[in-house]
Amino acid sequence: MMFAEEPVMDRVAAEVLLTLVPGVGPRLRKTLLGHFGSAAEVLQAAPSELRSVPGIGTKTSRAILAARKEVDVAAELNTCQQAGIKILVESTDEYPARLAEIPDPPGVLFVRGEIVPADGLAVAIVGTRHATHYGLAQAERLAGGLARAGYTVVSGLARGVDAAAHRGALKAGGRTLAVLGSGVLNIYPPEHVELASEISERGAVMSENPPHSPPLSGAFPQRNRIITGLSLGVIVVEASDRSGALISARHAMEQGREVFAVPGRVDNRMSRGCHRLIRDGAKLVESIDDVLEELGPLATPTPRDDGREVRHPAELQLNEPEQAVLAAIADEPIGIDEIVVASGLPVANVLATISVLEMRRLVKRVGGSRVVRSF
């Protein structure tokens, strides 16, 4: 049975519909796309063609065939349009490039807010929902420091460490991304509705699940791969032996991301997961300097093949005075007086701005009053 006589679906509708097919997860979706070339071709394939794909049995092939007639994809698209939800499809320009690199990226992201190029410079902060006062304080402190250094903070909007990380980034005036295990119109936990709204105004709230999806338990471990996939590295603040944060750490290792852990009291069970990570090779974190030193080379852009200008991700978050000062600093050391003349800014403003640029690892001082670019 084929659907050759039906109108060909546009790409977004087809990708969303394939996402809604029961039994077709990220890895199976990737296998299907590799075989057929597009979501629309998958949905139009004959049963025998579908069953020829490794991992596709009778049950899944029937679900795919039924989806086009039984699933109201138009209603989902209309919901997104009415609620101002963006639908990002893998391999399009708007889709996060770093996330597309992982073995099982979500085919579709439903997004409230904006994902911007500067979010390519991101660090995840995760931990237990049952955080101690110490854990909450460390999560907020580290998130604030990362935000001030120009990094986007990624977490999962859960109670405890996640919420503290989001709030720390927001208080510091930075950007933060929240990845949900539910739909973006079904915020969980419900007491974080207001926090989610704040995040969508200064970053983005996103999910691979349709907007009204309930918070099913199996979706939360699955969403952890997206949290780490968006990031250069992940910081685990507090985690028991069975914490979901350790799943995030495992995803990060599998994705080739850096793993960091904050030590805690030896008699606190919420420290056991972090201490185990440190024993297994995770970098111990006392301050954001420990993170920035490790991530510095990873945050440096590589030249484009097409010869177009490449900008460090942190540059994308600079205001006009900061851009003016950075533009005056070259690969060779330059004096403060020369920067003042080139930027047209007062000395006090230049000195303060250089301190900001140093924190963001964009420049460094050499020989007292001289400065040079760090990349």
Protein backbone atom coordinates (compact mmCIF):
# COMPACT_ATOMS: atom_id res chain seq x y z
CA MET A 1 0.00 0.00 0.00
CA MET A 2 1.48 3.37 -1.02
CA PHE A 3 0.38 6.96 -0.76
CA ALA A 4 1.64 8.12 -4.13
CA GLU A 5 -1.71 9.73 -5.02
CA GLU A 6 -1.81 11.85 -1.86
CA PRO A 7 -0.32 15.36 -1.87
CA VAL A 8 3.34 15.45 -0.91
CA MET A 9 3.72 16.86 2.60
CA ASP A 10 6.00 19.79 3.22
CA ARG A 11 9.16 19.02 5.10
CA VAL A 12 8.17 20.43 8.49
CA ALA A 13 4.80 18.63 8.53
CA ALA A 14 6.44 15.35 7.53
CA GLU A 15 9.15 15.65 10.19
CA VAL A 16 6.59 16.47 12.88
CA LEU A 17 4.38 13.59 11.81
CA LEU A 18 7.28 11.13 11.88
CA THR A 19 8.08 12.37 15.41
CA LEU A 20 4.51 11.52 16.45
CA VAL A 21 4.68 7.89 15.25
CA PRO A 22 4.68 5.52 18.26
CA GLY A 23 7.81 3.40 18.40
CA VAL A 24 9.96 5.63 16.19
CA GLY A 25 12.63 7.09 18.45
CA PRO A 26 15.64 9.24 17.48
CA ARG A 27 17.94 6.40 16.46
CA LEU A 28 15.28 4.54 14.45
CA ARG A 29 14.29 7.82 12.80
CA LYS A 30 17.91 8.35 11.75
CA THR A 31 18.03 4.84 10.30
CA LEU A 32 14.81 5.44 8.34
CA LEU A 33 16.05 8.77 6.98
CA GLY A 34 19.32 7.17 5.98
CA HIS A 35 17.39 4.55 4.01
CA PHE A 36 14.65 6.66 2.41
CA GLY A 37 16.22 10.13 2.34
CA SER A 38 13.40 12.18 3.89
CA ALA A 39 10.53 11.95 6.37
CA ALA A 40 8.01 12.34 3.54
CA GLU A 41 9.51 9.34 1.72
CA VAL A 42 9.38 7.29 4.93
CA LEU A 43 5.68 8.06 5.36
CA GLN A 44 4.92 7.14 1.74
CA ALA A 45 6.86 3.87 1.73
CA ALA A 46 5.18 0.51 1.19
CA PRO A 47 5.03 -2.00 4.09
CA SER A 48 7.56 -4.28 2.43
CA GLU A 49 9.97 -1.37 1.96
CA LEU A 50 9.64 -0.36 5.61
CA ARG A 51 10.22 -3.90 6.87
CA SER A 52 13.40 -4.10 4.84
CA VAL A 53 14.94 -1.49 7.15
CA PRO A 54 16.86 -2.95 10.12
CA GLY A 55 14.88 -2.50 13.33
CA ILE A 56 11.49 -2.09 11.62
CA GLY A 57 9.09 -4.90 12.34
CA THR A 58 5.43 -5.40 11.50
CA LYS A 59 4.17 -3.33 14.46
CA THR A 60 6.31 -0.29 13.67
CA SER A 61 5.64 -0.46 9.93
CA ARG A 62 1.89 -0.51 10.61
CA ALA A 63 2.24 2.48 12.95
CA ILE A 64 4.08 4.44 10.27
CA LEU A 65 1.50 3.57 7.63
CA ALA A 66 -1.37 4.51 9.94
CA ALA A 67 0.14 7.79 11.07
CA ARG A 68 -0.55 9.76 7.92
CA LYS A 69 -4.29 9.08 8.10
CA GLU A 70 -4.80 8.85 11.85
CA VAL A 71 -2.53 11.57 13.29
CA ASP A 72 -3.77 15.14 12.98
CA VAL A 73 -0.45 16.84 12.24
CA ALA A 74 -2.27 19.96 11.01
CA ALA A 75 -3.68 20.44 14.51
CA GLU A 76 -0.18 20.28 16.03
CA LEU A 77 1.15 22.78 13.51
CA ASN A 78 -1.78 25.09 14.20
CA THR A 79 -1.16 24.86 17.94
CA CYS A 80 2.44 25.91 17.40
CA GLN A 81 1.47 28.80 15.17
CA GLN A 82 -1.15 30.08 17.61
CA ALA A 83 1.22 29.83 20.60
CA GLY A 84 4.24 31.32 18.82
CA ILE A 85 6.20 28.07 19.05
CA LYS A 86 9.01 27.66 16.54
CA ILE A 87 9.58 24.26 14.96
CA LEU A 88 13.23 23.58 14.24
CA VAL A 89 13.98 20.67 11.92
CA GLU A 90 17.36 18.94 11.93
CA SER A 91 19.78 20.00 9.17
CA THR A 92 18.15 23.42 8.71
CA ASP A 93 20.16 26.56 9.45
CA GLU A 94 18.15 27.40 12.58
CA TYR A 95 18.78 24.01 14.21
CA PRO A 96 21.59 24.09 16.83
CA ALA A 97 24.74 22.93 15.05
CA ARG A 98 26.30 21.34 18.12
CA LEU A 99 23.16 19.29 18.82
CA ALA A 100 23.13 17.98 15.26
CA GLU A 101 26.55 16.38 15.90
CA ILE A 102 25.31 13.81 18.46
CA PRO A 103 24.44 10.23 17.37
CA ASP A 104 20.71 10.60 18.08
CA PRO A 105 19.62 14.23 17.66
CA PRO A 106 15.91 15.02 17.89
CA GLY A 107 14.39 15.33 14.43
CA VAL A 108 12.28 18.25 15.60
CA LEU A 109 12.61 20.80 18.39
CA PHE A 110 9.57 22.75 19.60
CA VAL A 111 10.88 26.07 20.90
CA ARG A 112 9.42 28.93 22.92
CA GLY A 113 11.85 31.83 22.74
CA GLU A 114 14.98 32.13 20.60
CA ILE A 115 18.05 30.00 20.06
CA VAL A 116 20.79 32.35 18.81
CA PRO A 117 24.32 31.77 17.45
CA ALA A 118 25.84 32.85 20.78
CA ASP A 119 24.22 29.78 22.36
CA GLY A 120 26.92 27.75 20.64
CA LEU A 121 29.01 28.72 23.67
CA ALA A 122 27.01 26.81 26.29
CA VAL A 123 27.61 24.81 29.47
CA ALA A 124 25.06 22.54 31.13
CA ILE A 125 24.53 22.52 34.89
CA VAL A 126 22.58 19.56 36.29
CA GLY A 127 22.02 17.88 39.62
CA THR A 128 19.57 16.42 42.06
CA ARG A 129 16.00 17.62 42.56
CA HIS A 130 16.58 17.21 46.32
CA ALA A 131 19.44 19.67 46.54
CA THR A 132 20.88 20.94 49.81
CA HIS A 133 21.33 24.65 50.51
CA TYR A 134 24.98 24.18 49.53
CA GLY A 135 24.05 22.59 46.21
CA LEU A 136 21.57 25.32 45.31
CA ALA A 137 24.09 28.01 46.20
CA GLN A 138 26.85 26.40 44.09
CA ALA A 139 24.56 25.93 41.09
CA GLU A 140 23.44 29.56 41.20
CA ARG A 141 27.01 30.82 41.76
CA LEU A 142 28.49 28.83 38.87
CA ALA A 143 25.63 29.70 36.51
CA GLY A 144 26.01 33.39 37.30
CA GLY A 145 29.74 33.24 36.70
CA LEU A 146 29.33 31.43 33.40
CA ALA A 147 26.68 33.93 32.27
CA ARG A 148 28.94 36.87 33.11
CA ALA A 149 31.71 35.18 31.12
CA GLY A 150 29.45 35.06 28.06
CA TYR A 151 28.34 31.44 28.26
CA THR A 152 24.74 30.25 27.90
CA VAL A 153 23.60 28.00 30.76
CA VAL A 154 21.63 24.88 29.80
CA SER A 155 19.55 22.79 32.20
CA GLY A 156 16.28 20.87 32.52
CA LEU A 157 13.92 23.17 34.50
CA ALA A 158 13.57 20.52 37.21
CA ARG A 159 13.29 21.31 40.89
CA GLY A 160 16.53 21.76 42.81
CA VAL A 161 19.82 22.27 40.99
CA ASP A 162 18.28 22.85 37.54
CA ALA A 163 16.06 25.71 38.69
CA ALA A 164 18.91 27.28 40.66
CA ALA A 165 21.13 27.19 37.55
CA HIS A 166 18.48 28.89 35.39
CA ARG A 167 17.89 31.55 38.04
CA GLY A 168 21.60 32.17 38.49
CA ALA A 169 22.03 32.84 34.77
CA LEU A 170 18.98 35.12 34.66
CA LYS A 171 20.09 37.12 37.72
CA ALA A 172 23.47 37.67 36.07
CA GLY A 173 21.76 39.05 32.96
CA GLY A 174 22.79 36.07 30.84
CA ARG A 175 21.08 33.59 28.55
CA THR A 176 19.74 30.19 29.55
CA LEU A 177 18.09 27.28 27.73
CA ALA A 178 15.65 24.85 29.37
CA VAL A 179 15.09 21.38 27.87
CA LEU A 180 11.85 19.76 28.99
CA GLY A 181 10.70 16.17 29.35
CA SER A 182 7.14 17.39 28.74
CA GLY A 183 5.75 19.69 26.05
CA VAL A 184 6.52 23.40 26.06
CA LEU A 185 2.85 24.18 26.74
CA ASN A 186 2.71 21.71 29.62
CA ILE A 187 5.39 22.99 31.98
CA TYR A 188 6.59 20.52 34.61
CA PRO A 189 6.89 21.00 37.50
CA PRO A 190 3.87 23.36 37.46
CA GLU A 191 5.43 25.78 39.97
CA HIS A 192 8.04 26.63 37.32
CA VAL A 193 5.56 28.15 34.85
CA GLU A 194 6.72 31.67 35.68
CA LEU A 195 10.39 30.65 35.52
CA ALA A 196 9.79 29.07 32.11
CA SER A 197 8.24 32.33 30.92
CA GLU A 198 11.30 34.29 32.09
CA ILE A 199 13.61 31.83 30.35
CA SER A 200 11.69 32.10 27.06
CA GLU A 201 12.21 35.87 27.15
CA ARG A 202 15.97 35.62 27.77
CA GLY A 203 16.72 32.37 25.99
CA ALA A 204 14.51 29.42 25.09
CA VAL A 205 12.35 26.64 26.50
CA MET A 206 12.38 23.60 24.23
CA SER A 207 11.33 19.98 23.87
CA GLU A 208 11.38 17.24 21.27
CA ASN A 209 7.87 16.30 22.40
CA PRO A 210 4.70 17.93 21.01
CA PRO A 211 3.56 21.08 22.88
CA HIS A 212 0.89 19.50 25.10
CA SER A 213 2.81 16.29 25.89
CA PRO A 214 2.51 15.12 29.53
CA PRO A 215 5.61 14.67 31.72
CA LEU A 216 6.10 10.92 31.21
CA SER A 217 8.89 9.40 33.31
CA GLY A 218 10.69 7.87 30.33
CA ALA A 219 11.00 11.23 28.60
CA PHE A 220 13.27 12.75 31.25
CA PRO A 221 16.32 10.47 30.81
CA GLN A 222 15.81 10.86 27.04
CA ARG A 223 15.87 14.66 27.19
CA ASN A 224 19.20 14.60 29.06
CA ARG A 225 21.04 13.82 25.83
CA ILE A 226 19.70 17.11 24.41
CA ILE A 227 20.91 19.08 27.44
CA THR A 228 24.45 17.77 26.98
CA GLY A 229 24.23 17.81 23.19
CA LEU A 230 23.67 21.58 23.22
CA SER A 231 26.70 22.12 25.46
CA LEU A 232 30.47 22.11 25.40
CA GLY A 233 30.46 20.40 28.77
CA VAL A 234 28.29 19.54 31.76
CA ILE A 235 28.75 20.43 35.43
CA VAL A 236 27.20 18.03 37.95
CA VAL A 237 26.57 19.87 41.22
CA GLU A 238 24.91 17.32 43.53
CA ALA A 239 23.91 13.77 42.67
CA SER A 240 23.16 10.62 44.59
CA ASP A 241 24.25 7.21 43.32
CA ARG A 242 21.03 6.91 41.28
CA SER A 243 20.57 10.51 40.23
CA GLY A 244 19.40 11.34 36.72
CA ALA A 245 22.29 13.80 36.61
CA LEU A 246 24.62 10.82 36.23
CA ILE A 247 22.70 9.88 33.07
CA SER A 248 23.53 13.35 31.76
CA ALA A 249 27.19 12.78 32.61
CA ARG A 250 27.14 9.48 30.72
CA HIS A 251 25.54 11.15 27.69
CA ALA A 252 28.21 13.86 27.82
CA MET A 253 31.00 11.28 27.81
CA GLU A 254 29.42 9.41 24.89
CA GLN A 255 29.04 12.67 22.97
CA GLY A 256 32.64 13.71 23.59
CA ARG A 257 31.68 16.57 25.91
CA GLU A 258 33.66 17.59 28.97
CA VAL A 259 32.40 16.44 32.37
CA PHE A 260 32.87 18.48 35.55
CA ALA A 261 31.78 17.77 39.11
CA VAL A 262 31.48 19.90 42.24
CA PRO A 263 32.73 18.13 45.38
CA GLY A 264 30.60 18.06 48.53
CA ARG A 265 30.64 16.74 52.07
CA VAL A 266 31.85 13.18 52.36
CA ASP A 267 28.96 12.32 54.71
CA ASN A 268 26.26 13.66 52.38
CA ARG A 269 24.66 11.05 50.12
CA MET A 270 24.00 13.79 47.53
CA SER A 271 27.76 14.09 47.08
CA ARG A 272 28.37 10.44 46.23
CA GLY A 273 27.61 10.75 42.53
CA CYS A 274 29.91 13.76 42.10
CA HIS A 275 32.73 12.11 44.03
CA ARG A 276 32.39 8.99 41.89
CA LEU A 277 32.60 11.11 38.74
CA ILE A 278 35.74 12.80 40.04
CA ARG A 279 37.31 9.41 40.82
CA ASP A 280 36.45 8.33 37.27
CA GLY A 281 38.18 11.34 35.71
CA ALA A 282 35.73 14.24 35.78
CA LYS A 283 37.38 17.59 36.44
CA LEU A 284 36.86 18.89 39.96
CA VAL A 285 35.22 22.32 39.96
CA GLU A 286 35.71 24.95 42.65
CA SER A 287 35.08 28.02 40.47
CA ILE A 288 34.21 28.85 36.88
CA ASP A 289 37.93 29.31 36.19
CA ASP A 290 38.26 25.51 36.41
CA VAL A 291 35.62 25.22 33.70
CA LEU A 292 36.85 28.03 31.46
CA GLU A 293 40.44 26.76 31.48
CA GLU A 294 39.26 23.39 30.24
CA LEU A 295 36.81 24.71 27.66
CA GLY A 296 38.96 27.51 26.26
CA PRO A 297 40.27 25.55 23.23
CA LEU A 298 36.81 24.04 22.58
CA ALA A 299 35.22 27.48 22.48
CA THR A 300 37.58 28.73 19.78
CA PRO A 301 35.97 28.77 16.31
CA THR A 302 37.51 26.97 13.36
CA PRO A 303 37.88 28.62 9.92
CA ARG A 304 35.03 28.21 7.45
CA ASP A 305 35.67 26.41 4.18
CA ASP A 306 33.89 29.18 2.24
CA GLY A 307 36.31 31.85 3.46
CA ARG A 308 33.66 33.90 5.29
CA GLU A 309 34.57 35.67 8.52
CA VAL A 310 34.40 33.52 11.64
CA ARG A 311 33.52 35.11 14.99
CA HIS A 312 34.13 33.69 18.42
CA PRO A 313 30.71 32.79 19.92
CA ALA A 314 31.34 35.09 22.90
CA GLU A 315 31.63 38.06 20.53
CA LEU A 316 27.99 37.63 19.60
CA GLN A 317 26.92 38.66 23.12
CA LEU A 318 28.96 41.88 23.34
CA ASN A 319 27.34 45.31 23.51
CA GLU A 320 28.55 48.21 21.32
CA PRO A 321 31.28 49.57 23.66
CA GLU A 322 32.62 46.04 24.20
CA GLN A 323 32.69 45.45 20.45
CA ALA A 324 34.50 48.78 19.93
CA VAL A 325 37.20 47.90 22.46
CA LEU A 326 37.61 44.36 21.09
CA ALA A 327 37.89 45.71 17.54
CA ALA A 328 40.79 47.89 18.67
CA ILE A 329 42.72 44.90 20.03
CA ALA A 330 44.68 42.84 17.51
CA ASP A 331 46.90 39.75 17.52
CA GLU A 332 49.87 41.87 18.56
CA PRO A 333 50.02 43.52 22.02
CA ILE A 334 48.53 47.01 22.13
CA GLY A 335 48.64 49.64 24.88
CA ILE A 336 45.64 50.98 26.79
CA ASP A 337 46.22 54.51 25.42
CA GLU A 338 46.04 53.23 21.85
CA ILE A 339 42.80 51.37 22.62
CA VAL A 340 41.30 54.57 24.07
CA VAL A 341 42.13 56.46 20.87
CA ALA A 342 40.90 53.71 18.54
CA SER A 343 37.63 53.08 20.43
CA GLY A 344 36.85 56.70 21.23
CA LEU A 345 35.84 55.72 24.79
CA PRO A 346 36.98 57.21 28.11
CA VAL A 347 39.88 55.50 29.87
CA ALA A 348 37.71 54.30 32.76
CA ASN A 349 35.24 52.67 30.35
CA VAL A 350 38.05 50.99 28.39
CA LEU A 351 39.62 49.55 31.54
CA ALA A 352 36.27 48.20 32.77
CA THR A 353 35.50 46.74 29.36
CA ILE A 354 38.88 45.03 29.12
CA SER A 355 38.14 43.33 32.44
CA VAL A 356 34.87 42.00 30.96
CA LEU A 357 36.64 40.78 27.84
CA GLU A 358 39.28 39.07 29.99
CA MET A 359 36.57 37.27 31.94
CA ARG A 360 35.08 36.07 28.65
CA ARG A 361 38.53 34.78 27.57
CA LEU A 362 38.53 37.06 24.51
CA VAL A 363 41.63 39.06 25.48
CA LYS A 364 44.51 38.78 27.91
CA ARG A 365 46.93 41.23 29.46
CA VAL A 366 50.62 41.01 28.61
CA GLY A 367 53.19 43.10 30.40
CA GLY A 368 50.94 45.21 32.60
CA SER A 369 49.24 47.83 30.43
CA ARG A 370 49.26 45.97 27.14
CA VAL A 371 46.53 43.67 25.83
CA VAL A 372 46.29 41.04 23.10
CA ARG A 373 43.53 38.87 21.65
CA SER A 374 43.23 35.36 23.09
CA PHE A 375 42.24 33.69 19.79
